[in-house]
C-alpha atoms as a PDB file:
ATOM      1  CA  MET A   1      26.628 175.496 224.969  1.00  0.00           C
ATOM      2  CA  SER A   2      26.027 179.137 224.056  1.00  0.00           C
ATOM      3  CA  GLU A   3      28.446 181.169 221.991  1.00  0.00           C
ATOM      4  CA  VAL A   4      29.097 183.475 224.959  1.00  0.00           C
ATOM      5  CA  VAL A   5      30.068 180.550 227.206  1.00  0.00           C
ATOM      6  CA  GLU A   6      32.311 179.082 224.514  1.00  0.00           C
ATOM      7  CA  THR A   7      34.043 182.439 224.111  1.00  0.00           C
ATOM      8  CA  GLU A   8      34.587 182.743 227.879  1.00  0.00           C
ATOM      9  CA  ILE A   9      36.052 179.223 228.058  1.00  0.00           C
ATOM     10  CA  LYS A  10      38.357 179.941 225.137  1.00  0.00           C
ATOM     11  CA  GLU A  11      39.523 183.258 226.632  1.00  0.00           C
ATOM     12  CA  SER A  12      40.117 181.599 230.015  1.00  0.00           C
ATOM     13  CA  ALA A  13      42.209 178.830 228.401  1.00  0.00           C
ATOM     14  CA  GLU A  14      44.247 181.384 226.446  1.00  0.00           C
ATOM     15  CA  ARG A  15      44.798 183.431 229.600  1.00  0.00           C
ATOM     16  CA  ASP A  16      45.965 180.347 231.518  1.00  0.00           C
ATOM     17  CA  ALA A  17      48.325 179.426 228.672  1.00  0.00           C
ATOM     18  CA  ARG A  18      49.913 182.886 228.729  1.00  0.00           C
ATOM     19  CA  LEU A  19      50.192 182.753 232.512  1.00  0.00           C
ATOM     20  CA  ALA A  20      51.819 179.305 232.408  1.00  0.00           C
ATOM     21  CA  LYS A  21      54.391 180.534 229.877  1.00  0.00           C
ATOM     22  CA  THR A  22      55.188 183.598 231.998  1.00  0.00           C
ATOM     23  CA  VAL A  23      55.573 181.543 235.196  1.00  0.00           C
ATOM     24  CA  ALA A  24      57.731 178.935 233.442  1.00  0.00           C
ATOM     25  CA  ASP A  25      60.058 181.646 232.113  1.00  0.00           C
ATOM     26  CA  MET A  26      60.288 183.462 235.456  1.00  0.00           C
ATOM     27  CA  LEU A  27      61.068 180.376 237.550  1.00  0.00           C
ATOM     28  CA  SER A  28      63.060 178.474 234.893  1.00  0.00           C
ATOM     29  CA  ILE A  29      60.806 175.434 235.128  1.00  0.00           C
ATOM     30  CA  PRO A  30      59.186 173.198 232.479  1.00  0.00           C
ATOM     31  CA  LEU A  31      55.901 174.381 231.005  1.00  0.00           C
ATOM     32  CA  GLU A  32      54.266 171.184 232.247  1.00  0.00           C
ATOM     33  CA  THR A  33      55.185 172.103 235.834  1.00  0.00           C
ATOM     34  CA  SER A  34      53.943 175.637 235.337  1.00  0.00           C
ATOM     35  CA  ASN A  35      50.586 174.372 234.059  1.00  0.00           C
ATOM     36  CA  LYS A  36      50.311 172.242 237.182  1.00  0.00           C
ATOM     37  CA  PHE A  37      51.007 175.348 239.309  1.00  0.00           C
ATOM     38  CA  ILE A  38      47.902 177.009 237.899  1.00  0.00           C
ATOM     39  CA  VAL A  39      45.722 174.001 238.722  1.00  0.00           C
ATOM     40  CA  ASP A  40      47.230 173.590 242.205  1.00  0.00           C
ATOM     41  CA  ALA A  41      47.046 177.317 242.980  1.00  0.00           C
ATOM     42  CA  ASP A  42      43.353 177.192 242.147  1.00  0.00           C
ATOM     43  CA  ARG A  43      42.932 174.354 244.637  1.00  0.00           C
ATOM     44  CA  LEU A  44      45.244 175.654 247.365  1.00  0.00           C
ATOM     45  CA  TYR A  45      44.353 179.338 247.223  1.00  0.00           C
ATOM     46  CA  LYS A  46      41.052 179.981 245.477  1.00  0.00           C
ATOM     47  CA  THR A  47      39.134 176.927 246.670  1.00  0.00           C
ATOM     48  CA  LYS A  48      40.382 177.105 250.268  1.00  0.00           C
ATOM     49  CA  MET A  49      39.698 180.834 250.511  1.00  0.00           C
ATOM     50  CA  THR A  50      36.212 180.492 249.061  1.00  0.00           C
ATOM     51  CA  MET A  51      35.340 177.622 251.411  1.00  0.00           C
ATOM     52  CA  ARG A  52      36.669 179.530 254.414  1.00  0.00           C
ATOM     53  CA  PHE A  53      34.670 182.621 253.579  1.00  0.00           C
ATOM     54  CA  THR A  54      31.392 180.984 252.708  1.00  0.00           C
ATOM     55  CA  ASP A  55      31.611 179.280 256.118  1.00  0.00           C
ATOM     56  CA  LEU A  56      32.369 182.460 258.080  1.00  0.00           C
ATOM     57  CA  ARG A  57      30.021 182.212 261.064  1.00  0.00           C
ATOM     58  CA  PHE A  58      28.833 185.003 263.321  1.00  0.00           C
ATOM     59  CA  GLN A  59      29.263 183.085 266.588  1.00  0.00           C
ATOM     60  CA  ASN A  60      32.808 182.138 265.650  1.00  0.00           C
ATOM     61  CA  ARG A  61      33.751 185.762 264.904  1.00  0.00           C
ATOM     62  CA  LEU A  62      32.027 186.941 268.087  1.00  0.00           C
ATOM     63  CA  LYS A  63      34.027 184.395 270.111  1.00  0.00           C
ATOM     64  CA  ARG A  64      37.222 185.761 268.566  1.00  0.00           C
ATOM     65  CA  THR A  65      36.333 189.375 269.379  1.00  0.00           C
ATOM     66  CA  ASN A  66      38.400 191.069 272.075  1.00  0.00           C
ATOM     67  CA  PRO A  67      35.893 193.571 273.540  1.00  0.00           C
ATOM     68  CA  PHE A  68      38.645 195.551 275.232  1.00  0.00           C
ATOM     69  CA  LEU A  69      40.464 196.117 271.928  1.00  0.00           C
ATOM     70  CA  VAL A  70      37.214 197.056 270.206  1.00  0.00           C
ATOM     71  CA  GLN A  71      37.025 200.082 272.497  1.00  0.00           C
ATOM     72  CA  VAL A  72      40.748 200.861 272.384  1.00  0.00           C
ATOM     73  CA  ARG A  73      40.643 200.897 268.567  1.00  0.00           C
ATOM     74  CA  GLY A  74      37.766 203.328 268.556  1.00  0.00           C
ATOM     75  CA  LEU A  75      35.212 201.047 266.897  1.00  0.00           C
ATOM     76  CA  ARG A  76      31.793 202.519 267.526  1.00  0.00           C
ATOM     77  CA  THR A  77      29.408 200.996 264.990  1.00  0.00           C
ATOM     78  CA  VAL A  78      28.412 197.383 264.453  1.00  0.00           C
ATOM     79  CA  ARG A  79      29.443 197.714 260.806  1.00  0.00           C
ATOM     80  CA  GLN A  80      32.949 198.805 261.815  1.00  0.00           C
ATOM     81  CA  TRP A  81      33.164 195.681 263.979  1.00  0.00           C
ATOM     82  CA  ALA A  82      32.023 193.544 261.017  1.00  0.00           C
ATOM     83  CA  GLU A  83      34.588 195.136 258.691  1.00  0.00           C
ATOM     84  CA  VAL A  84      37.413 194.392 261.143  1.00  0.00           C
ATOM     85  CA  GLN A  85      36.246 190.804 261.616  1.00  0.00           C
ATOM     86  CA  VAL A  86      36.107 190.109 257.882  1.00  0.00           C
ATOM     87  CA  ALA A  87      39.513 191.744 257.312  1.00  0.00           C
ATOM     88  CA  SER A  88      41.013 189.672 260.150  1.00  0.00           C
ATOM     89  CA  ALA A  89      39.567 186.439 258.763  1.00  0.00           C
ATOM     90  CA  LEU A  90      40.754 187.352 255.263  1.00  0.00           C
ATOM     91  CA  TYR A  91      44.350 187.965 256.344  1.00  0.00           C
ATOM     92  CA  ALA A  92      44.525 184.792 258.456  1.00  0.00           C
ATOM     93  CA  SER A  93      42.996 182.645 255.715  1.00  0.00           C
ATOM     94  CA  GLU A  94      45.207 184.180 253.067  1.00  0.00           C
ATOM     95  CA  GLU A  95      48.393 183.624 255.053  1.00  0.00           C
ATOM     96  CA  GLU A  96      47.542 179.945 255.392  1.00  0.00           C
ATOM     97  CA  ALA A  97      46.553 179.586 251.729  1.00  0.00           C
ATOM     98  CA  VAL A  98      49.636 181.384 250.375  1.00  0.00           C
ATOM     99  CA  GLY A  99      51.770 179.248 252.676  1.00  0.00           C
ATOM    100  CA  HIS A 100      50.441 176.163 250.887  1.00  0.00           C
ATOM    101  CA  VAL A 101      51.182 177.772 247.512  1.00  0.00           C
ATOM    102  CA  LEU A 102      54.772 178.549 248.569  1.00  0.00           C
ATOM    103  CA  GLU A 103      55.267 174.981 249.765  1.00  0.00           C
ATOM    104  CA  MET A 104      54.034 173.778 246.376  1.00  0.00           C
ATOM    105  CA  VAL A 105      56.475 176.069 244.544  1.00  0.00           C
ATOM    106  CA  ALA A 106      59.425 174.994 246.710  1.00  0.00           C
ATOM    107  CA  LYS A 107      58.726 171.279 246.193  1.00  0.00           C
ATOM    108  CA  ALA A 108      58.357 171.692 242.445  1.00  0.00           C
ATOM    109  CA  CYS A 109      61.370 173.933 241.870  1.00  0.00           C
ATOM    110  CA  HIS A 110      64.050 172.665 244.269  1.00  0.00           C
ATOM    111  CA  PRO A 111      66.628 170.626 242.291  1.00  0.00           C
ATOM    112  CA  GLY A 112      66.369 166.971 243.283  1.00  0.00           C
ATOM    113  CA  ALA A 113      63.341 167.418 245.560  1.00  0.00           C
ATOM    114  CA  ARG A 114      61.257 164.298 246.033  1.00  0.00           C
ATOM    115  CA  GLU A 115      58.466 163.096 248.277  1.00  0.00           C
ATOM    116  CA  PRO A 116      59.856 161.919 251.644  1.00  0.00           C
ATOM    117  CA  LEU A 117      60.286 158.164 251.926  1.00  0.00           C
ATOM    118  CA  ILE A 118      59.379 158.549 255.604  1.00  0.00           C
ATOM    119  CA  THR A 119      56.772 161.308 255.557  1.00  0.00           C
ATOM    120  CA  ASP A 120      56.553 162.416 259.195  1.00  0.00           C
ATOM    121  CA  ASP A 121      56.972 166.201 259.544  1.00  0.00           C
ATOM    122  CA  PHE A 122      58.740 166.864 256.225  1.00  0.00           C
ATOM    123  CA  ASP A 123      57.351 168.341 253.010  1.00  0.00           C
ATOM    124  CA  PHE A 124      60.122 167.077 250.726  1.00  0.00           C
ATOM    125  CA  GLU A 125      63.632 165.683 250.860  1.00  0.00           C
ATOM    126  CA  VAL A 126      66.812 166.020 248.828  1.00  0.00           C
ATOM    127  CA  ALA A 127      69.299 163.174 248.546  1.00  0.00           C
ATOM    128  CA  THR A 128      72.999 163.552 247.743  1.00  0.00           C
ATOM    129  CA  PRO A 129      75.714 160.877 248.037  1.00  0.00           C
ATOM    130  CA  GLY A 130      75.891 159.812 251.679  1.00  0.00           C
ATOM    131  CA  LYS A 131      73.474 162.505 252.853  1.00  0.00           C
ATOM    132  CA  LEU A 132      69.732 163.102 253.034  1.00  0.00           C
ATOM    133  CA  ARG A 133      68.071 166.366 254.009  1.00  0.00           C
ATOM    134  CA  GLY A 134      64.405 166.649 254.935  1.00  0.00           C
ATOM    135  CA  PHE A 135      62.740 170.063 254.528  1.00  0.00           C
ATOM    136  CA  GLN A 136      59.828 171.402 256.526  1.00  0.00           C
ATOM    137  CA  VAL A 137      58.577 174.567 254.819  1.00  0.00           C
ATOM    138  CA  LYS A 138      56.705 177.199 256.838  1.00  0.00           C
ATOM    139  CA  MET A 139      55.472 180.661 255.948  1.00  0.00           C
ATOM    140  CA  SER A 140      57.655 182.482 258.491  1.00  0.00           C
ATOM    141  CA  TRP A 141      60.355 181.846 261.074  1.00  0.00           C
ATOM    142  CA  ASP A 142      57.992 182.371 264.040  1.00  0.00           C
ATOM    143  CA  CYS A 143      54.986 180.258 263.034  1.00  0.00           C
ATOM    144  CA  MET A 144      56.108 176.995 264.638  1.00  0.00           C
ATOM    145  CA  PRO A 145      54.997 176.600 268.299  1.00  0.00           C
ATOM    146  CA  MET A 146      57.361 175.065 270.824  1.00  0.00           C
ATOM    147  CA  SER A 147      55.458 171.764 270.880  1.00  0.00           C
ATOM    148  CA  SER A 148      55.913 171.442 267.099  1.00  0.00           C
ATOM    149  CA  ARG A 149      59.609 172.237 267.427  1.00  0.00           C
ATOM    150  CA  LYS A 150      60.020 169.465 269.982  1.00  0.00           C
ATOM    151  CA  ASN A 151      58.085 167.048 267.781  1.00  0.00           C
ATOM    152  CA  LEU A 152      60.264 167.941 264.797  1.00  0.00           C
ATOM    153  CA  SER A 153      63.438 167.422 266.838  1.00  0.00           C
ATOM    154  CA  ASN A 154      62.152 164.045 268.062  1.00  0.00           C
ATOM    155  CA  THR A 155      61.392 162.993 264.485  1.00  0.00           C
ATOM    156  CA  ILE A 156      64.882 164.041 263.398  1.00  0.00           C
ATOM    157  CA  SER A 157      66.468 162.002 266.204  1.00  0.00           C
ATOM    158  CA  HIS A 158      64.609 158.900 265.007  1.00  0.00           C
ATOM    159  CA  LEU A 159      65.542 159.522 261.364  1.00  0.00           C
ATOM    160  CA  VAL A 160      69.196 160.188 262.203  1.00  0.00           C
ATOM    161  CA  ALA A 161      69.360 156.797 263.934  1.00  0.00           C
ATOM    162  CA  HIS A 162      67.392 155.097 261.130  1.00  0.00           C
ATOM    163  CA  TYR A 163      69.601 156.373 258.316  1.00  0.00           C
ATOM    164  CA  ALA A 164      72.858 155.961 260.265  1.00  0.00           C
ATOM    165  CA  GLY A 165      72.289 152.228 260.017  1.00  0.00           C
ATOM    166  CA  LYS A 166      72.274 152.643 256.225  1.00  0.00           C
ATOM    167  CA  GLY A 167      75.448 154.724 256.179  1.00  0.00           C
ATOM    168  CA  VAL A 168      73.545 157.944 255.405  1.00  0.00           C
ATOM    169  CA  VAL A 169      73.757 161.233 257.321  1.00  0.00           C
ATOM    170  CA  PHE A 170      70.312 162.776 257.877  1.00  0.00           C
ATOM    171  CA  GLU A 171      69.705 166.483 258.465  1.00  0.00           C
ATOM    172  CA  GLY A 172      66.364 168.093 259.255  1.00  0.00           C
ATOM    173  CA  MET A 173      65.891 171.562 257.771  1.00  0.00           C
ATOM    174  CA  PHE A 174      63.307 174.103 258.917  1.00  0.00           C
ATOM    175  CA  ALA A 175      62.784 176.437 255.949  1.00  0.00           C
ATOM    176  CA  PRO A 176      60.870 179.677 256.674  1.00  0.00           C
ATOM    177  CA  CYS A 177      59.729 181.435 253.491  1.00  0.00           C
ATOM    178  CA  TYR A 178      60.556 184.839 254.969  1.00  0.00           C
ATOM    179  CA  GLY A 179      62.088 186.495 258.010  1.00  0.00           C
ATOM    180  CA  ALA A 180      64.985 184.209 259.006  1.00  0.00           C
ATOM    181  CA  ASN A 181      68.225 186.186 258.615  1.00  0.00           C
ATOM    182  CA  SER A 182      70.745 183.461 259.449  1.00  0.00           C
ATOM    183  CA  THR A 183      71.231 179.712 259.115  1.00  0.00           C
ATOM    184  CA  ARG A 184      71.669 178.145 262.534  1.00  0.00           C
ATOM    185  CA  ARG A 185      70.737 175.274 264.805  1.00  0.00           C
ATOM    186  CA  PRO A 186      68.542 176.626 267.637  1.00  0.00           C
ATOM    187  CA  ARG A 187      69.751 175.743 271.102  1.00  0.00           C
ATOM    188  CA  GLY A 188      68.341 172.434 272.314  1.00  0.00           C
ATOM    189  CA  GLN A 189      66.835 171.511 268.937  1.00  0.00           C
ATOM    190  CA  LYS A 190      67.890 168.986 266.303  1.00  0.00           C
ATOM    191  CA  TYR A 191      66.822 170.882 263.203  1.00  0.00           C
ATOM    192  CA  ILE A 192      68.677 173.575 261.290  1.00  0.00           C
ATOM    193  CA  THR A 193      66.793 176.797 260.593  1.00  0.00           C
ATOM    194  CA  MET A 194      67.710 178.070 257.142  1.00  0.00           C
ATOM    195  CA  ARG A 195      68.170 181.727 256.305  1.00  0.00           C
ATOM    196  CA  SER A 196      65.111 182.492 254.186  1.00  0.00           C
ATOM    197  CA  ARG A 197      67.041 183.967 251.270  1.00  0.00           C
ATOM    198  CA  GLU A 198      69.472 181.043 251.325  1.00  0.00           C
ATOM    199  CA  PHE A 199      66.521 178.637 251.157  1.00  0.00           C
ATOM    200  CA  TRP A 200      65.026 180.336 248.096  1.00  0.00           C
ATOM    201  CA  THR A 201      68.447 180.603 246.455  1.00  0.00           C
ATOM    202  CA  GLU A 202      68.817 176.841 246.835  1.00  0.00           C
ATOM    203  CA  VAL A 203      65.284 176.274 245.521  1.00  0.00           C
ATOM    204  CA  GLY A 204      66.201 178.458 242.523  1.00  0.00           C
ATOM    205  CA  ASN A 205      69.385 176.472 241.841  1.00  0.00           C
ATOM    206  CA  GLY A 206      71.685 179.333 242.825  1.00  0.00           C
ATOM    207  CA  ASP A 207      69.516 182.305 241.768  1.00  0.00           C
ATOM    208  CA  GLU A 208      69.963 184.815 244.621  1.00  0.00           C
ATOM    209  CA  GLY A 209      66.886 186.769 243.549  1.00  0.00           C
ATOM    210  CA  TYR A 210      64.608 183.746 243.359  1.00  0.00           C
ATOM    211  CA  ASP A 211      62.485 184.852 246.324  1.00  0.00           C
ATOM    212  CA  VAL A 212      61.559 188.031 244.447  1.00  0.00           C
ATOM    213  CA  LYS A 213      60.536 185.975 241.404  1.00  0.00           C
ATOM    214  CA  VAL A 214      58.449 183.637 243.561  1.00  0.00           C
ATOM    215  CA  GLY A 215      56.709 186.667 245.054  1.00  0.00           C
ATOM    216  CA  GLU A 216      55.803 187.904 241.584  1.00  0.00           C
ATOM    217  CA  VAL A 217      54.522 184.440 240.653  1.00  0.00           C
ATOM    218  CA  CYS A 218      52.287 184.430 243.749  1.00  0.00           C
ATOM    219  CA  ARG A 219      50.888 187.770 242.629  1.00  0.00           C
ATOM    220  CA  LEU A 220      50.199 186.427 239.150  1.00  0.00           C
ATOM    221  CA  LEU A 221      48.567 183.256 240.455  1.00  0.00           C
ATOM    222  CA  CYS A 222      46.447 184.816 243.209  1.00  0.00           C
ATOM    223  CA  SER A 223      45.833 188.555 242.706  1.00  0.00           C
ATOM    224  CA  GLU A 224      42.949 188.277 240.215  1.00  0.00           C
ATOM    225  CA  PHE A 225      40.993 186.043 242.556  1.00  0.00           C
ATOM    226  CA  ARG A 226      41.925 188.288 245.515  1.00  0.00           C
ATOM    227  CA  ALA A 227      40.407 191.280 243.717  1.00  0.00           C
ATOM    228  CA  ASP A 228      37.295 189.261 242.890  1.00  0.00           C
ATOM    229  CA  LEU A 229      37.041 188.186 246.542  1.00  0.00           C
ATOM    230  CA  ASN A 230      37.122 191.829 247.646  1.00  0.00           C
ATOM    231  CA  ASP A 231      34.486 192.832 245.107  1.00  0.00           C
ATOM    232  CA  ARG A 232      32.130 189.869 245.415  1.00  0.00           C
ATOM    233  CA  LEU A 233      32.345 188.070 248.752  1.00  0.00           C
ATOM    234  CA  VAL A 234      33.697 190.621 251.249  1.00  0.00           C
ATOM    235  CA  PRO A 235      30.823 193.168 251.004  1.00  0.00           C
ATOM    236  CA  THR A 236      28.247 190.384 251.362  1.00  0.00           C
ATOM    237  CA  LEU A 237      29.998 188.992 254.441  1.00  0.00           C
ATOM    238  CA  ILE A 238      30.255 192.426 256.057  1.00  0.00           C
ATOM    239  CA  ASP A 239      26.541 192.999 255.501  1.00  0.00           C
ATOM    240  CA  ARG A 240      25.657 189.612 256.981  1.00  0.00           C
ATOM    241  CA  LEU A 241      27.858 189.980 260.068  1.00  0.00           C
ATOM    242  CA  ALA A 242      26.604 193.530 260.660  1.00  0.00           C
ATOM    243  CA  GLN A 243      22.982 192.388 260.480  1.00  0.00           C
ATOM    244  CA  GLU A 244      23.584 189.554 262.936  1.00  0.00           C
ATOM    245  CA  GLY A 245      25.697 191.740 265.211  1.00  0.00           C
ATOM    246  CA  THR A 246      22.988 194.408 265.320  1.00  0.00           C
ATOM    247  CA  LYS A 247      20.546 191.871 266.763  1.00  0.00           C
ATOM    248  CA  VAL A 248      22.974 190.755 269.473  1.00  0.00           C
ATOM    249  CA  PHE A 249      24.832 193.881 270.610  1.00  0.00           C
ATOM    250  CA  GLY A 250      23.461 196.834 268.628  1.00  0.00           C
ATOM    251  CA  ASP A 251      21.863 199.847 270.282  1.00  0.00           C
ATOM    252  CA  GLY A 252      19.094 200.146 267.697  1.00  0.00           C
ATOM    253  CA  GLU A 253      20.833 202.983 265.836  1.00  0.00           C
ATOM    254  CA  GLY A 254      23.731 201.073 264.277  1.00  0.00           C
ATOM    255  CA  ASN A 255      26.119 201.635 267.175  1.00  0.00           C
ATOM    256  CA  ILE A 256      27.686 199.080 269.512  1.00  0.00           C
ATOM    257  CA  ASP A 257      26.111 198.713 272.937  1.00  0.00           C
ATOM    258  CA  PHE A 258      29.262 197.746 274.821  1.00  0.00           C
ATOM    259  CA  ARG A 259      27.418 196.285 277.797  1.00  0.00           C
ATOM    260  CA  LYS A 260      25.592 193.928 275.409  1.00  0.00           C
ATOM    261  CA  LEU A 261      28.850 193.139 273.607  1.00  0.00           C
ATOM    262  CA  PHE A 262      30.635 192.218 276.843  1.00  0.00           C
ATOM    263  CA  ARG A 263      27.709 190.085 277.982  1.00  0.00           C
ATOM    264  CA  ALA A 264      27.566 188.324 274.611  1.00  0.00           C
ATOM    265  CA  ILE A 265      31.262 187.444 274.895  1.00  0.00           C
ATOM    266  CA  ASN A 266      31.438 187.024 278.684  1.00  0.00           C
ATOM    267  CA  PRO A 267      27.976 185.688 279.624  1.00  0.00           C
END
C-alpha cells in the first residue's frame, strides 16, 4: 500500500471519528450508535444513490417525460431536457434515500424502541406496561397511498385482537417525518397519525427541538457525498442522456423536434 493511500485512509478514519463524536453529542446517543449511523448512512444514502444513478436509463427517462409540460416549461434544447430529467431523478432518489436514513435515526434514538415481534407494516415498536405501540415511519404525511392506509388499518385490527388476548392494548402509529401539524385518527382508519414535531420530540426523549438536530445530522452524514454526486456523476449523466436524446428527438442542431418527441413517447 502506497504512502498516499495510507494517508487517505488515516484521514478518512479521523474524519469519521470526528463526525461520530459530533453526531453523538448532537443527538445524545452513545458513540457506538453514532459510529453505526455513519456505516448505515453510507449504505442507505450513498450506495443507494450511486446504484440508482449508474442505472439511469434513457428509455426509462423518456417514458417518464410529459411532452406537454416540456413545451409549457419552455424547454427548447435536448440538453435542457436532459438536465431536467437528471434533476428529477436526483430529487426522487434522494427523498427515498433520506427517508431510509430518517427511519434509521428514529429507530436508534427513540427510548425503548425495539424490532417488532410481529413485523408486518411497522418499523419499530415501543412497549410500556399494558400497552404496545407500533410505529410506521414515512418521510411525509402525504406519501402513503390509500391502499397502504387500508392495509395498515387491517394489520392494526389483527394486532389489536392478537394482543387483547394477552391483556395488552395495541396502538398503530403513523409517524410522518415532516408536515403533519396535529395528532389525530383519520376518519375510517385504525392508525393514529402523529404530529411530526411531537414524533421527533418523543424520539428525542422530550427534546422539542430534536427535529432540527436530526436535520443537521442528515446534512453532516449526506452533504459531502451530495456535493460529490453533483460534481462527478450528474454532468456525466446529463451528457449521456443528451447524446441519446439527440439521436431520438433532436433536430440536428441541439434543439428538440417536438413532433419526434411526441412520436417517441406516443408511438
